[in-house]
Amino acid sequence: MKTKRILALLVVLIMVFQLMPAAFAEETGEGERLNDQTTEVTPADDPVDPADDPEDPVDPADDPEDPVDPADDPEDPVDPADDPEDEPAGETIDGSVKPADDLNAVRYAAMVDGVYFSSLQDAINATGTEDVDEETGETFTYGSRIDLVRTISITGSVTVPAGKTVLLNLAGYSITASDTAIVDKGRLTIVDYANGSGKITSTGNCGISVAGGELTFTSGSVEAQEMAILFIDGGKATIDGGTFTAHDNAVLGSNGSSGRGGNTVTVNGGTFNGTIQTSGYVACGIYAANDDTWNINAGTFNITNGAGIVARAGKITVKDGVVINTTDTATGRVGDSRAVAPCAATVFDA
């Protein structure tokens, strides 16, 4: 009996030992199945987005899909005027062409057909001449119109040569000279297409000398120490408007020297202001000193200490529409004459 129990125990132990590897194998198999179902995560498989880092926020400007427009920078806003491709070409006021920028106003005095010139005399000389377009290489001819682009000072005089035809638009600017400002030997028209405030001034002589040329004056003003406009050598003029002031001589006048007459002047309007500074002389609105022809159809003459019209030679016609205002009762010389004239509306002294 004892022997049977021992054998039975051995059989049980053998069965237990046989079952133990299967149990261990089963536990190991479950672990392998777990490993098969789990994928190890590596940085290469799931890259970290810098935007997820709260300590290193992403700048929207770094997004290549949405580049930042410099105009969005509030500290450096983009001004459309900074675009060199879109600069204004100039401002036009009632037909007067203004410079495109302040630099042109400093560098240049006048413009002809969109081309700037450093002096008024250069612009006058260019009118009616040929030039070559730098961009196209084509030859063109300058027109006759000159536009001032700034107020200018002249040393000496500018001259319109014989054979030249010039339209000078003052464009609201001024010309100042210590001598006679403009000498007209050609055909000159003076206008102010801006606002009529353009002015020609001579601080030491006449404003304009029509020396055998032709002048048409439409608008603007002339102010001079001597005559506002002097006519010599067969000059011709038509004055349709404007303001003319002489401080120490006749407002309009001719030269009494032999051979300097033959002038023809027509006045259709304007305001003429005359005063006198030199002792022994009187002011004068019109001084007809030679074999000239004067047709005064309209206009207002305001003469302080002088005469409205003094005619010493030639032919002068004064229409009813002319207004002559004179003051004082002084007498004195007028122009280059030694004869004494009274302060009166008209003085005919042949």
Protein backbone atom coordinates (compact mmCIF):
# COMPACT_ATOMS: atom_id res chain seq x y z
CA MET A 1 0.00 0.00 0.00
CA LYS A 2 2.80 2.35 0.83
CA THR A 3 4.39 1.61 -2.47
CA LYS A 4 1.17 2.50 -4.35
CA ARG A 5 0.84 5.87 -2.54
CA ILE A 6 4.40 6.76 -3.48
CA LEU A 7 3.78 5.92 -7.10
CA ALA A 8 0.60 7.95 -7.10
CA LEU A 9 2.45 10.94 -5.65
CA LEU A 10 5.13 10.63 -8.29
CA VAL A 11 2.49 10.56 -11.02
CA VAL A 12 0.94 13.77 -9.62
CA LEU A 13 4.32 15.51 -9.44
CA ILE A 14 5.12 14.48 -13.02
CA MET A 15 1.80 15.95 -14.23
CA VAL A 16 2.44 19.19 -12.35
CA PHE A 17 5.85 19.58 -13.91
CA GLN A 18 4.40 18.93 -17.33
CA LEU A 19 1.76 21.60 -16.88
CA MET A 20 4.13 24.34 -15.57
CA PRO A 21 5.92 25.11 -18.97
CA ALA A 22 2.54 25.50 -20.68
CA ALA A 23 1.45 27.98 -18.04
CA PHE A 24 4.67 30.00 -18.42
CA ALA A 25 4.38 29.75 -22.16
CA GLU A 26 0.81 31.14 -22.00
CA GLU A 27 1.96 34.19 -19.98
CA THR A 28 4.80 34.82 -22.42
CA GLY A 29 2.46 34.54 -25.40
CA GLU A 30 0.13 37.19 -23.95
CA GLY A 31 3.10 39.57 -23.63
CA GLU A 32 4.05 39.05 -27.26
CA ARG A 33 0.54 39.76 -28.39
CA LEU A 34 0.65 43.03 -26.39
CA ASN A 35 3.90 43.99 -28.12
CA ASP A 36 2.38 43.23 -31.53
CA GLN A 37 -0.52 45.63 -30.88
CA THR A 38 1.59 48.59 -29.64
CA THR A 39 3.69 50.76 -31.99
CA GLU A 40 6.59 52.56 -30.42
CA VAL A 41 6.37 56.39 -31.07
CA THR A 42 9.54 58.07 -32.37
CA PRO A 43 10.18 61.79 -33.17
CA ALA A 44 10.57 60.93 -36.85
CA ASP A 45 7.07 59.50 -37.07
CA ASP A 46 5.33 62.47 -35.32
CA PRO A 47 7.38 65.70 -35.58
CA VAL A 48 6.77 68.28 -32.92
CA ASP A 49 5.09 71.45 -34.18
CA PRO A 50 6.91 74.48 -32.78
CA ALA A 51 3.53 76.17 -32.50
CA ASP A 52 2.71 73.64 -29.74
CA ASP A 53 5.53 75.01 -27.57
CA PRO A 54 4.00 77.63 -25.24
CA GLU A 55 7.47 79.07 -24.59
CA ASP A 56 8.22 79.56 -28.28
CA PRO A 57 5.10 80.93 -29.99
CA VAL A 58 5.07 80.89 -33.76
CA ASP A 59 5.20 84.25 -35.60
CA PRO A 60 2.56 84.35 -38.34
CA ALA A 61 5.19 85.96 -40.53
CA ASP A 62 7.03 82.59 -40.54
CA ASP A 63 4.17 80.95 -42.36
CA PRO A 64 5.20 80.59 -46.01
CA GLU A 65 1.56 80.13 -46.94
CA ASP A 66 0.71 83.65 -45.67
CA PRO A 67 3.62 86.09 -46.18
CA VAL A 68 3.47 89.31 -44.20
CA ASP A 69 2.72 92.47 -46.15
CA PRO A 70 5.06 95.32 -45.11
CA ALA A 71 2.05 97.60 -45.24
CA ASP A 72 0.66 95.62 -42.22
CA ASP A 73 3.47 96.93 -40.03
CA PRO A 74 1.84 99.62 -37.85
CA GLU A 75 5.25 101.12 -37.04
CA ASP A 76 6.21 101.59 -40.67
CA PRO A 77 3.08 102.17 -42.74
CA VAL A 78 3.62 102.27 -46.46
CA ASP A 79 2.74 105.58 -48.09
CA PRO A 80 1.42 105.15 -51.64
CA ALA A 81 3.22 108.38 -52.49
CA ASP A 82 6.52 106.53 -51.92
CA ASP A 83 5.93 104.50 -55.04
CA PRO A 84 8.40 105.86 -57.62
CA GLU A 85 6.35 104.32 -60.38
CA ASP A 86 3.35 106.49 -59.53
CA GLU A 87 4.60 110.07 -59.10
CA PRO A 88 2.40 113.01 -60.05
CA ALA A 89 3.38 114.55 -63.36
CA GLY A 90 2.45 118.07 -62.32
CA GLU A 91 -0.57 120.11 -61.43
CA THR A 92 -2.50 122.14 -63.97
CA ILE A 93 -4.35 125.23 -62.79
CA ASP A 94 -6.41 127.03 -65.44
CA GLY A 95 -3.96 126.03 -68.12
CA SER A 96 -0.77 126.78 -66.18
CA VAL A 97 1.59 123.85 -65.72
CA LYS A 98 3.13 123.50 -62.29
CA PRO A 99 6.36 121.63 -61.53
CA ALA A 100 5.96 117.97 -60.54
CA ASP A 101 7.96 118.42 -57.34
CA ASP A 102 9.80 120.99 -55.23
CA LEU A 103 13.11 119.96 -56.76
CA ASN A 104 12.03 121.30 -60.14
CA ALA A 105 11.01 124.56 -58.51
CA VAL A 106 14.57 124.95 -57.21
CA ARG A 107 16.45 123.84 -60.31
CA TYR A 108 14.45 125.40 -63.12
CA ALA A 109 12.90 128.73 -64.08
CA ALA A 110 10.60 127.93 -66.99
CA MET A 111 9.16 125.15 -69.10
CA VAL A 112 8.46 124.73 -72.81
CA ASP A 113 6.40 121.73 -73.99
CA GLY A 114 7.13 119.81 -70.77
CA VAL A 115 10.89 120.44 -70.93
CA TYR A 116 12.42 122.43 -68.06
CA PHE A 117 14.98 125.21 -68.57
CA SER A 118 17.29 126.70 -65.95
CA SER A 119 16.69 130.29 -67.09
CA LEU A 120 13.94 132.24 -68.80
CA GLN A 121 16.36 133.32 -71.52
CA ASP A 122 17.19 129.68 -72.30
CA ALA A 123 13.47 128.94 -72.62
CA ILE A 124 12.99 131.92 -74.96
CA ASN A 125 15.91 130.81 -77.10
CA ALA A 126 14.47 127.27 -77.35
CA THR A 127 11.05 128.30 -78.70
CA GLY A 128 10.62 127.42 -82.36
CA THR A 129 13.82 125.38 -82.50
CA GLU A 130 14.32 121.66 -83.11
CA ASP A 131 15.51 119.16 -80.52
CA VAL A 132 15.78 115.37 -80.17
CA ASP A 133 13.66 113.37 -77.75
CA GLU A 134 16.09 111.47 -75.50
CA GLU A 135 13.69 108.53 -75.09
CA THR A 136 12.47 108.03 -78.65
CA GLY A 137 15.29 109.62 -80.62
CA GLU A 138 12.72 111.52 -82.69
CA THR A 139 13.19 115.15 -83.71
CA PHE A 140 10.58 117.65 -82.56
CA THR A 141 10.08 121.43 -82.62
CA TYR A 142 9.43 123.45 -79.47
CA GLY A 143 6.27 125.52 -79.43
CA SER A 144 6.02 129.20 -78.57
CA ARG A 145 4.46 128.93 -75.08
CA ILE A 146 6.66 129.37 -72.02
CA ASP A 147 5.37 128.67 -68.49
CA LEU A 148 7.16 130.07 -65.47
CA VAL A 149 7.57 127.39 -62.80
CA ARG A 150 8.78 129.61 -59.97
CA THR A 151 9.47 133.23 -59.04
CA ILE A 152 12.80 134.30 -60.53
CA SER A 153 15.33 137.15 -60.34
CA ILE A 154 17.17 138.36 -63.44
CA THR A 155 20.61 139.90 -63.70
CA GLY A 156 20.33 142.38 -66.55
CA SER A 157 17.47 141.77 -69.00
CA VAL A 158 15.93 138.91 -70.93
CA THR A 159 15.39 139.55 -74.64
CA VAL A 160 12.89 138.23 -77.15
CA PRO A 161 14.96 138.39 -80.34
CA ALA A 162 13.63 139.64 -83.65
CA GLY A 163 11.90 136.81 -85.49
CA LYS A 164 10.85 134.99 -82.28
CA THR A 165 7.21 134.48 -81.32
CA VAL A 166 6.71 133.85 -77.60
CA LEU A 167 3.70 133.47 -75.33
CA LEU A 168 4.86 133.97 -71.74
CA ASN A 169 2.52 132.58 -69.10
CA LEU A 170 3.44 134.11 -65.74
CA ALA A 171 1.42 131.34 -64.04
CA GLY A 172 1.07 133.34 -60.82
CA TYR A 173 4.84 133.82 -60.41
CA SER A 174 7.04 136.93 -60.53
CA ILE A 175 10.05 138.16 -62.50
CA THR A 176 12.28 140.71 -60.77
CA ALA A 177 15.17 142.62 -62.37
CA SER A 178 17.34 145.56 -61.39
CA ASP A 179 17.48 146.71 -65.03
CA THR A 180 14.74 146.59 -67.68
CA ALA A 181 13.22 143.16 -67.09
CA ILE A 182 12.17 142.25 -70.66
CA VAL A 183 13.30 143.69 -73.99
CA ASP A 184 10.90 142.79 -76.79
CA LYS A 185 12.32 142.83 -80.32
CA GLY A 186 10.13 139.98 -81.57
CA ARG A 187 6.47 139.11 -80.98
CA LEU A 188 5.62 138.70 -77.29
CA THR A 189 2.32 137.92 -75.62
CA ILE A 190 2.15 138.08 -71.82
CA VAL A 191 -0.67 136.36 -69.93
CA ASP A 192 -1.32 134.87 -66.52
CA TYR A 193 -3.40 131.72 -66.83
CA ALA A 194 -3.27 130.99 -63.10
CA ASN A 195 -4.96 133.78 -61.15
CA GLY A 196 -3.67 137.04 -62.60
CA SER A 197 -1.20 137.59 -59.77
CA GLY A 198 1.91 137.10 -61.91
CA LYS A 199 4.14 140.16 -61.90
CA ILE A 200 7.08 141.72 -63.75
CA THR A 201 9.15 144.12 -61.63
CA SER A 202 12.11 146.37 -62.35
CA THR A 203 13.68 148.00 -59.31
CA GLY A 204 15.95 150.31 -61.33
CA ASN A 205 14.60 150.86 -64.85
CA CYS A 206 11.60 149.99 -67.05
CA GLY A 207 9.49 146.87 -66.69
CA ILE A 208 9.23 146.13 -70.43
CA SER A 209 10.88 147.82 -73.40
CA VAL A 210 9.13 147.25 -76.72
CA ALA A 211 12.13 147.92 -78.95
CA GLY A 212 10.80 147.50 -82.47
CA GLY A 213 8.88 144.38 -81.46
CA GLU A 214 5.20 143.62 -80.90
CA LEU A 215 3.60 143.18 -77.50
CA THR A 216 0.17 141.90 -76.48
CA PHE A 217 -0.50 142.17 -72.76
CA THR A 218 -3.61 140.40 -71.46
CA SER A 219 -3.26 139.78 -67.73
CA GLY A 220 -0.80 140.09 -64.87
CA SER A 221 0.98 143.23 -63.69
CA VAL A 222 4.08 145.34 -64.31
CA GLU A 223 5.75 147.54 -61.70
CA ALA A 224 8.84 149.67 -62.38
CA GLN A 225 10.95 152.45 -60.96
CA GLU A 226 10.81 154.19 -64.34
CA MET A 227 8.19 153.45 -67.04
CA ALA A 228 6.13 150.29 -66.74
CA ILE A 229 6.34 149.97 -70.55
CA LEU A 230 8.63 151.98 -72.85
CA PHE A 231 8.05 152.06 -76.62
CA ILE A 232 10.92 152.81 -79.00
CA ASP A 233 12.06 152.16 -82.57
CA GLY A 234 8.66 151.52 -84.12
CA GLY A 235 7.32 149.23 -81.40
CA LYS A 236 3.72 148.04 -81.48
CA ALA A 237 1.53 147.06 -78.56
CA THR A 238 -2.02 146.09 -77.62
CA ILE A 239 -2.91 146.23 -73.93
CA ASP A 240 -6.16 144.44 -73.11
CA GLY A 241 -5.85 144.32 -69.33
CA GLY A 242 -3.56 144.13 -66.34
CA THR A 243 -2.17 146.54 -63.76
CA PHE A 244 0.75 148.87 -64.50
CA THR A 245 2.61 150.99 -61.95
CA ALA A 246 5.44 153.50 -62.38
CA HIS A 247 7.11 155.07 -59.35
CA ASP A 248 9.20 157.84 -60.94
CA ASN A 249 8.19 158.36 -64.59
CA ALA A 250 5.29 157.91 -67.01
CA VAL A 251 3.39 154.62 -66.75
CA LEU A 252 3.38 154.19 -70.55
CA GLY A 253 5.63 156.28 -72.73
CA SER A 254 7.92 156.70 -75.70
CA ASN A 255 11.33 158.28 -76.25
CA GLY A 256 11.46 161.76 -77.74
CA SER A 257 14.84 161.33 -79.43
CA SER A 258 14.89 161.69 -83.20
CA GLY A 259 14.46 158.38 -85.02
CA ARG A 260 13.22 156.50 -81.95
CA GLY A 261 9.49 157.04 -82.62
CA GLY A 262 7.03 155.50 -85.06
CA ASN A 263 5.37 153.48 -82.29
CA THR A 264 1.72 152.34 -82.35
CA VAL A 265 -0.04 151.62 -79.04
CA THR A 266 -3.65 150.54 -78.44
CA VAL A 267 -5.06 150.43 -74.91
CA ASN A 268 -8.33 148.49 -74.52
CA GLY A 269 -8.30 148.17 -70.75
CA GLY A 270 -6.22 147.96 -67.61
CA THR A 271 -5.35 150.02 -64.54
CA PHE A 272 -2.46 152.50 -64.70
CA ASN A 273 -0.98 153.94 -61.49
CA GLY A 274 1.60 156.74 -61.57
CA THR A 275 3.60 158.51 -58.87
CA ILE A 276 6.74 160.66 -58.85
CA GLN A 277 9.82 160.77 -56.62
CA THR A 278 12.31 163.07 -58.37
CA SER A 279 12.05 166.75 -57.45
CA GLY A 280 11.05 169.08 -60.31
CA TYR A 281 9.05 166.42 -62.18
CA VAL A 282 5.41 165.35 -62.19
CA ALA A 283 3.90 161.92 -62.69
CA CYS A 284 2.23 160.93 -65.94
CA GLY A 285 -0.10 158.21 -67.19
CA ILE A 286 0.82 158.32 -70.89
CA TYR A 287 3.74 160.26 -72.35
CA ALA A 288 3.46 160.53 -76.15
CA ALA A 289 6.83 162.03 -76.99
CA ASN A 290 7.42 161.26 -80.65
CA ASP A 291 5.67 160.64 -83.96
CA ASP A 292 3.62 157.86 -82.39
CA THR A 293 0.00 156.74 -82.76
CA TRP A 294 -1.95 156.14 -79.56
CA ASN A 295 -5.49 154.74 -79.38
CA ILE A 296 -6.80 154.86 -75.82
CA ASN A 297 -10.15 153.07 -75.92
CA ALA A 298 -10.58 152.17 -72.26
CA GLY A 299 -8.72 151.96 -68.99
CA THR A 300 -8.40 153.70 -65.63
CA PHE A 301 -5.51 156.07 -64.90
CA ASN A 302 -4.76 156.94 -61.28
CA ILE A 303 -2.05 159.60 -61.24
CA THR A 304 -0.73 161.16 -58.05
CA ASN A 305 0.98 164.56 -58.44
CA GLY A 306 0.84 164.58 -62.23
CA ALA A 307 -1.06 164.54 -65.50
CA GLY A 308 -3.15 161.79 -67.05
CA ILE A 309 -1.93 162.13 -70.64
CA VAL A 310 0.82 164.37 -71.96
CA ALA A 311 1.04 164.55 -75.77
CA ARG A 312 3.99 166.38 -77.30
CA ALA A 313 3.92 164.86 -80.81
CA GLY A 314 2.21 162.28 -82.98
CA LYS A 315 -1.46 161.38 -82.91
CA ILE A 316 -3.47 160.40 -79.85
CA THR A 317 -7.15 159.41 -79.64
CA VAL A 318 -8.91 159.13 -76.28
CA LYS A 319 -12.36 157.53 -76.16
CA ASP A 320 -15.17 158.40 -73.73
CA GLY A 321 -14.73 155.22 -71.69
CA VAL A 322 -11.30 156.26 -70.38
CA VAL A 323 -11.18 157.29 -66.69
CA ILE A 324 -8.43 159.68 -65.59
CA ASN A 325 -7.98 160.50 -61.90
CA THR A 326 -5.34 163.08 -60.98
CA THR A 327 -4.39 164.78 -57.73
CA ASP A 328 -2.46 167.87 -56.63
CA THR A 329 -1.83 171.12 -58.50
CA ALA A 330 1.94 170.92 -58.88
CA THR A 331 3.77 171.57 -62.12
CA GLY A 332 6.96 169.98 -63.40
CA ARG A 333 8.75 168.21 -66.18
CA VAL A 334 7.63 164.92 -67.70
CA GLY A 335 9.94 162.28 -69.14
CA ASP A 336 12.82 163.63 -71.21
CA SER A 337 11.21 167.01 -71.95
CA ARG A 338 12.35 170.30 -70.44
CA ALA A 339 8.83 171.76 -70.79
CA VAL A 340 6.77 172.11 -67.64
CA ALA A 341 3.41 170.36 -67.47
CA PRO A 342 0.57 170.96 -65.01
CA CYS A 343 -1.34 168.32 -63.07
CA ALA A 344 -4.29 167.80 -65.42
CA ALA A 345 -6.22 165.02 -67.11
CA THR A 346 -4.76 165.79 -70.53
CA VAL A 347 -1.95 168.07 -71.63
CA PHE A 348 -1.37 168.75 -75.33
CA ASP A 349 1.96 170.52 -75.71
CA ALA A 350 3.37 170.16 -79.23
